[in-house]
Amino acid sequence: MKLIKTTLIAISILFVNSLNAQINSSTLDHNNVSAKISDAGTFFYDFVNQQNGYEIPKGSGLSPIYTTQFWFAAVDSQGDIHFVQGGMPNQGSDVFNGPISDPGTYNTPEYQAKWGNSIWSICQTDIDNFILTYECNLDPNCNEVYPLTNEAIMTINNWPAHGDDNSGQSYYLAKFFDNNGDGSYNPMAGDYPIIKGCCATYMIQNDAAESHSYTNTDSVGMEIHYMFYQYKTWDYLNDVTFIDISAINKSNINYPEFIHSIAVDADIGNPEDDYFGSDSLKNLSYFYNADNDDEDTQQSLGYGVNPPAIGIVSLNKDMTSSLPYEGFGLTVPQKWNLMNGLKTDGSLWLNPNGNPTKYVFSGNPNIASEWSALSINHPIKEAKALSSINIGSFNIGDTMKQSFAITYARNGNHLENVQSIIDLASDVQLFYDNESDIPCTNGTTNLEEQENFNVSISPNPSTGTVNINNYNKNLLSISVLDFQGKVILERFFSSESNIDVDLSNQNSGIYFFHLRTESLNLIRKVIIQ
């Protein structure tokens, strides 16, 4: 019952306040979604106002998600499970603010002053205005004023580009544009944050600063970087929130087994009439209303007739399981079983044909003959699901990168919206693979200016030499950055129609070509093989 859970969270807030503890949070609401992001270890819940924190449409008071957590589980060579499940006020925490540091440094005034609040939010418009301001200050004839809020200036100045390597922290943390190539972040020298989307919220946490009071397991020894980001558009992307996660093994343990999961407690308005489904071919889990009328309850607003569906898409790795789960009272071994696509007791899930499966309710509810919660008349209640990615080994120094998209559809009845979510999984995957580096101008995805730029970059992938075809012979400013945001080719100018850029002396990997004219801006991802 959601009433019980709401009461538990309310008690937790009172307990937190009584200890003068603080939950830091930020709201990402650049498009049609208003998403509350906090450092409590549980996302999309508004702990201050004790209400759901993933609102769509923004300003409606309606929400399709109650909470979301990210689970990480590693098994060491002795078979012990190290588990990270986030946290909840008054129930403990497995995650703590800031990067991995030397033992004994986490509670120092220096560490707490820098990392006590490890949430940074910034929009590309702010970054663009900062760049224009910096360049204007270098031009004695420039008198332009580009608006920058105090909050944006503080975020740019305090961007977590570096840790204290004298205290065992990684020197390079959040990505940045290194304008003069000196390897150090300095906004006064024209350096600035690199984000994805039109607006983004960045977080750095670890699981080693304190003991795990949420799962009571040993730490993995992991540093976790999150980037939540949104695009403002006139299509389905206006209803999407993207999430990038980087988990780095900073321990001295090689783990032979490592699994990452996203746990979603979906409340599509009324929490007691929802279903869950999965689609392994689309790397998709989704939630929808069991009938076509989502009524109000005493605790929450319903979406009414033709309620929406939502989807969770794994964008860069195949899901290895997706299944429903009950969230309370589970032991760590039971959770490990779920993450492996099993039932809590370790037994197999079976589809209607009696065959083992790790994808529960994998049929389309629009097709009566397929296996869905609707087709078998599954009990109608709240819907929680765990979608997992089995990474395999997680060795010392390894970095796991995972990307998700949360999608939304409401353009038909409850089942038509499920079909839309299934179709959108392909669209958002295509966007992620090919167009997610399109820059934003004035807070909006720059599709029109992208077309007007009239520049092509080929071949991509390349074995070393990349050709820029400058069809209009515009005067181009060209810079090349590596995946960490470090400038590996200083800015130069050219108005030639064909410009060859030689990267044959660089390592294989992903590079970003930053092209600018007086009025246009383009960033293109290029792979060097």
Foldseek 3Di string as FASTA:
>chain_A
DVVVVLVVLLVLLVVCVVVVHDKDWDWDCLFQWTWIQIQQQKTQADSVVSGGRIDGRPPPQFFFFRIKGKKKWFAFPVRFIAIATAHGRPQFGQKAWDFDFAPPCCPDPVNCVLTVPFKAKDFVLQLVLLLVVLVLVVDPPRDDHRDHDPSSVVRFQSPPQADDVVGVGHGGDFFKADAVQPPDDDVNSVIGGDAFERMKMKGKMARQRDQTSNQRGGHQQKIKIKIKYAFYEDDQSSFKIKMKMKIWRQDQGKTQWMKMKMKTFTQRFPQFFKFWFDAQVLQKIKMFGLFQAFCHDPRTHHPGGQGKMKMKHWQPAGWPAKDWDDDPDQHPCLVVLLQNLDHSVNHFDAFPVRDGDRGAQNDQPVDLVGRHCNNVVPRTTTTMMMIMDIPGMRGHGDMDMIMMMMGMDRDGTRSVNSVVNSVVSVVVNVCVVAPRQQDDDPRHRPPPLVVVQPWDWDDAAEQWKIKIARPVLAWKWKWKAFPSNRTPGHTDIGSDRIDIDGGNVPDWDWMWIWIDGPPGTGIDIGTHD
